[in-house]
Amino acid sequence: MTNTQVVVFFSKDAKAPITLLELGYMLGEGKKVIVGCERGFWKRGNVEIICRRAGVQIVSTLEEVMDGLYEVLKAF
């Protein structure tokens, strides 16, 4: 069995429609996901809704994403 951790980051300057689709798919599949979404991202409200439904916390900066990934890696 493999442990897979998915990391997604939405920059405020990006559109990223495919990444939005992939995020929805991964959350629907129950994957472990770290989600970063800068304030000002054009679909942040949608990201917040789907993450809330999946029980996944959203962080707002790339540094916070890296901190979350570090915590996951420490567990190995």
N, C-alpha and C. Protein backbone atom coordinates (compact mmCIF):
# COMPACT_ATOMS: atom_id res chain seq x y z
N MET A 1 0.84 -1.18 0.00
CA MET A 1 0.00 0.00 0.00
C MET A 1 0.89 1.24 0.00
N THR A 2 0.53 2.22 -0.82
CA THR A 2 1.31 3.45 -0.87
C THR A 2 0.53 4.60 -0.26
N ASN A 3 1.26 5.47 0.40
CA ASN A 3 0.67 6.69 0.93
C ASN A 3 0.91 7.79 -0.07
N THR A 4 -0.15 8.37 -0.58
CA THR A 4 -0.02 9.43 -1.56
C THR A 4 -0.55 10.72 -0.96
N GLN A 5 0.25 11.75 -1.05
CA GLN A 5 -0.15 13.09 -0.60
C GLN A 5 -0.14 13.99 -1.82
N VAL A 6 -1.25 14.60 -2.13
CA VAL A 6 -1.37 15.50 -3.26
C VAL A 6 -1.27 16.93 -2.74
N VAL A 7 -0.50 17.75 -3.44
CA VAL A 7 -0.36 19.16 -3.08
C VAL A 7 -0.85 20.00 -4.25
N VAL A 8 -1.76 20.93 -3.97
CA VAL A 8 -2.30 21.82 -4.99
C VAL A 8 -2.16 23.25 -4.50
N PHE A 9 -1.69 24.13 -5.38
CA PHE A 9 -1.56 25.54 -5.01
C PHE A 9 -2.12 26.40 -6.14
N PHE A 10 -3.05 27.27 -5.79
CA PHE A 10 -3.65 28.19 -6.75
C PHE A 10 -3.11 29.59 -6.49
N SER A 11 -2.31 30.09 -7.42
CA SER A 11 -1.79 31.45 -7.34
C SER A 11 -2.88 32.44 -7.71
N LYS A 12 -2.87 33.59 -7.10
CA LYS A 12 -3.89 34.60 -7.39
C LYS A 12 -3.84 35.07 -8.85
N ASP A 13 -2.71 34.87 -9.51
CA ASP A 13 -2.55 35.33 -10.89
C ASP A 13 -2.87 34.25 -11.93
N ALA A 14 -3.22 33.05 -11.48
CA ALA A 14 -3.47 31.94 -12.40
C ALA A 14 -4.96 31.75 -12.64
N LYS A 15 -5.30 31.09 -13.73
CA LYS A 15 -6.69 30.67 -13.97
C LYS A 15 -6.86 29.21 -13.56
N ALA A 16 -6.01 28.32 -14.03
CA ALA A 16 -5.92 26.92 -13.60
C ALA A 16 -7.23 26.12 -13.66
N PRO A 17 -7.97 26.17 -14.79
CA PRO A 17 -9.23 25.42 -14.84
C PRO A 17 -9.04 23.92 -14.74
N ILE A 18 -7.97 23.39 -15.29
CA ILE A 18 -7.74 21.95 -15.22
C ILE A 18 -7.40 21.53 -13.80
N THR A 19 -6.63 22.35 -13.10
CA THR A 19 -6.28 22.05 -11.71
C THR A 19 -7.52 22.08 -10.83
N LEU A 20 -8.45 22.98 -11.10
CA LEU A 20 -9.72 23.00 -10.37
C LEU A 20 -10.47 21.69 -10.57
N LEU A 21 -10.51 21.22 -11.80
CA LEU A 21 -11.17 19.95 -12.11
C LEU A 21 -10.47 18.80 -11.39
N GLU A 22 -9.16 18.78 -11.45
CA GLU A 22 -8.39 17.72 -10.79
C GLU A 22 -8.59 17.74 -9.28
N LEU A 23 -8.65 18.93 -8.68
CA LEU A 23 -8.89 19.03 -7.25
C LEU A 23 -10.23 18.41 -6.89
N GLY A 24 -11.26 18.75 -7.63
CA GLY A 24 -12.57 18.16 -7.38
C GLY A 24 -12.56 16.65 -7.49
N TYR A 25 -11.85 16.14 -8.49
CA TYR A 25 -11.75 14.69 -8.67
C TYR A 25 -11.02 14.05 -7.49
N MET A 26 -9.89 14.62 -7.11
CA MET A 26 -9.10 14.04 -6.02
C MET A 26 -9.86 14.05 -4.71
N LEU A 27 -10.56 15.14 -4.42
CA LEU A 27 -11.34 15.21 -3.20
C LEU A 27 -12.49 14.21 -3.24
N GLY A 28 -13.10 14.05 -4.41
CA GLY A 28 -14.17 13.08 -4.56
C GLY A 28 -13.71 11.65 -4.38
N GLU A 29 -12.45 11.40 -4.69
CA GLU A 29 -11.86 10.07 -4.53
C GLU A 29 -11.33 9.84 -3.13
N GLY A 30 -11.39 10.86 -2.29
CA GLY A 30 -10.93 10.73 -0.92
C GLY A 30 -9.42 10.79 -0.76
N LYS A 31 -8.72 11.37 -1.73
CA LYS A 31 -7.26 11.49 -1.64
C LYS A 31 -6.87 12.47 -0.55
N LYS A 32 -5.68 12.30 0.01
CA LYS A 32 -5.12 13.24 0.97
C LYS A 32 -4.58 14.43 0.19
N VAL A 33 -5.11 15.60 0.46
CA VAL A 33 -4.75 16.78 -0.33
C VAL A 33 -4.40 17.94 0.60
N ILE A 34 -3.30 18.60 0.28
CA ILE A 34 -2.94 19.87 0.90
C ILE A 34 -3.30 20.93 -0.13
N VAL A 35 -4.15 21.88 0.25
CA VAL A 35 -4.63 22.88 -0.70
C VAL A 35 -4.18 24.26 -0.27
N GLY A 36 -3.49 24.92 -1.17
CA GLY A 36 -3.12 26.32 -0.98
C GLY A 36 -3.86 27.15 -2.02
N CYS A 37 -4.44 28.25 -1.60
CA CYS A 37 -5.19 29.11 -2.52
C CYS A 37 -5.01 30.56 -2.05
N GLU A 38 -4.26 31.30 -2.82
CA GLU A 38 -4.02 32.70 -2.44
C GLU A 38 -5.30 33.51 -2.46
N ARG A 39 -5.38 34.46 -1.56
CA ARG A 39 -6.51 35.39 -1.58
C ARG A 39 -6.41 36.18 -2.89
N GLY A 40 -7.52 36.32 -3.55
CA GLY A 40 -7.53 37.00 -4.85
C GLY A 40 -7.62 36.03 -6.01
N PHE A 41 -7.47 34.71 -5.75
CA PHE A 41 -7.66 33.73 -6.82
C PHE A 41 -9.11 33.80 -7.27
N TRP A 42 -9.34 33.86 -8.56
CA TRP A 42 -10.66 34.14 -9.11
C TRP A 42 -11.74 33.14 -8.74
N LYS A 43 -11.39 31.94 -8.35
CA LYS A 43 -12.38 30.93 -7.97
C LYS A 43 -12.16 30.45 -6.53
N ARG A 44 -11.59 31.31 -5.70
CA ARG A 44 -11.31 30.91 -4.32
C ARG A 44 -12.58 30.45 -3.59
N GLY A 45 -13.68 31.12 -3.81
CA GLY A 45 -14.93 30.72 -3.16
C GLY A 45 -15.32 29.29 -3.51
N ASN A 46 -15.13 28.90 -4.77
CA ASN A 46 -15.43 27.53 -5.18
C ASN A 46 -14.49 26.54 -4.50
N VAL A 47 -13.22 26.90 -4.41
CA VAL A 47 -12.24 26.03 -3.74
C VAL A 47 -12.61 25.88 -2.27
N GLU A 48 -12.99 26.97 -1.63
CA GLU A 48 -13.39 26.91 -0.22
C GLU A 48 -14.59 25.99 -0.01
N ILE A 49 -15.57 26.07 -0.89
CA ILE A 49 -16.78 25.26 -0.75
C ILE A 49 -16.46 23.77 -0.88
N ILE A 50 -15.74 23.40 -1.92
CA ILE A 50 -15.47 21.97 -2.12
C ILE A 50 -14.55 21.42 -1.04
N CYS A 51 -13.61 22.22 -0.58
CA CYS A 51 -12.73 21.76 0.50
C CYS A 51 -13.49 21.63 1.81
N ARG A 52 -14.37 22.56 2.09
CA ARG A 52 -15.19 22.47 3.30
C ARG A 52 -16.02 21.19 3.29
N ARG A 53 -16.62 20.88 2.15
CA ARG A 53 -17.43 19.66 2.03
C ARG A 53 -16.59 18.41 2.24
N ALA A 54 -15.33 18.47 1.85
CA ALA A 54 -14.44 17.31 1.98
C ALA A 54 -13.69 17.30 3.31
N GLY A 55 -13.86 18.35 4.11
CA GLY A 55 -13.16 18.42 5.39
C GLY A 55 -11.67 18.71 5.25
N VAL A 56 -11.31 19.42 4.19
CA VAL A 56 -9.90 19.75 3.92
C VAL A 56 -9.67 21.22 4.20
N GLN A 57 -8.63 21.51 4.96
CA GLN A 57 -8.28 22.89 5.29
C GLN A 57 -7.56 23.53 4.11
N ILE A 58 -7.83 24.81 3.88
CA ILE A 58 -7.14 25.58 2.85
C ILE A 58 -6.19 26.54 3.55
N VAL A 59 -4.99 26.66 3.01
CA VAL A 59 -4.06 27.68 3.48
C VAL A 59 -3.91 28.72 2.37
N SER A 60 -3.38 29.88 2.71
CA SER A 60 -3.37 30.99 1.76
C SER A 60 -2.02 31.32 1.14
N THR A 61 -0.95 30.72 1.66
CA THR A 61 0.37 31.05 1.11
C THR A 61 1.14 29.78 0.76
N LEU A 62 2.09 29.94 -0.12
CA LEU A 62 2.94 28.81 -0.50
C LEU A 62 3.76 28.33 0.69
N GLU A 63 4.14 29.24 1.56
CA GLU A 63 4.90 28.87 2.75
C GLU A 63 4.07 27.95 3.66
N GLU A 64 2.79 28.25 3.80
CA GLU A 64 1.91 27.40 4.61
C GLU A 64 1.73 26.02 3.98
N VAL A 65 1.70 25.97 2.65
CA VAL A 65 1.64 24.68 1.95
C VAL A 65 2.89 23.87 2.27
N MET A 66 4.03 24.51 2.20
CA MET A 66 5.30 23.82 2.47
C MET A 66 5.36 23.35 3.92
N ASP A 67 4.85 24.15 4.85
CA ASP A 67 4.79 23.74 6.26
C ASP A 67 3.93 22.49 6.42
N GLY A 68 2.78 22.46 5.76
CA GLY A 68 1.90 21.30 5.83
C GLY A 68 2.55 20.06 5.23
N LEU A 69 3.24 20.23 4.13
CA LEU A 69 3.94 19.10 3.51
C LEU A 69 5.07 18.61 4.40
N TYR A 70 5.76 19.54 5.04
CA TYR A 70 6.83 19.16 5.97
C TYR A 70 6.28 18.29 7.10
N GLU A 71 5.12 18.67 7.62
CA GLU A 71 4.49 17.88 8.71
C GLU A 71 4.15 16.48 8.22
N VAL A 72 3.67 16.36 7.01
CA VAL A 72 3.35 15.04 6.45
C VAL A 72 4.63 14.21 6.30
N LEU A 73 5.68 14.83 5.80
CA LEU A 73 6.94 14.11 5.58
C LEU A 73 7.60 13.69 6.89
N LYS A 74 7.42 14.48 7.94
CA LYS A 74 7.99 14.11 9.24
C LYS A 74 7.41 12.78 9.76
N ALA A 75 6.18 12.50 9.36
CA ALA A 75 5.52 11.28 9.82
C ALA A 75 6.16 10.01 9.23
N PHE A 76 6.91 10.15 8.15
CA PHE A 76 7.56 8.98 7.54
C PHE A 76 8.81 8.74 8.28
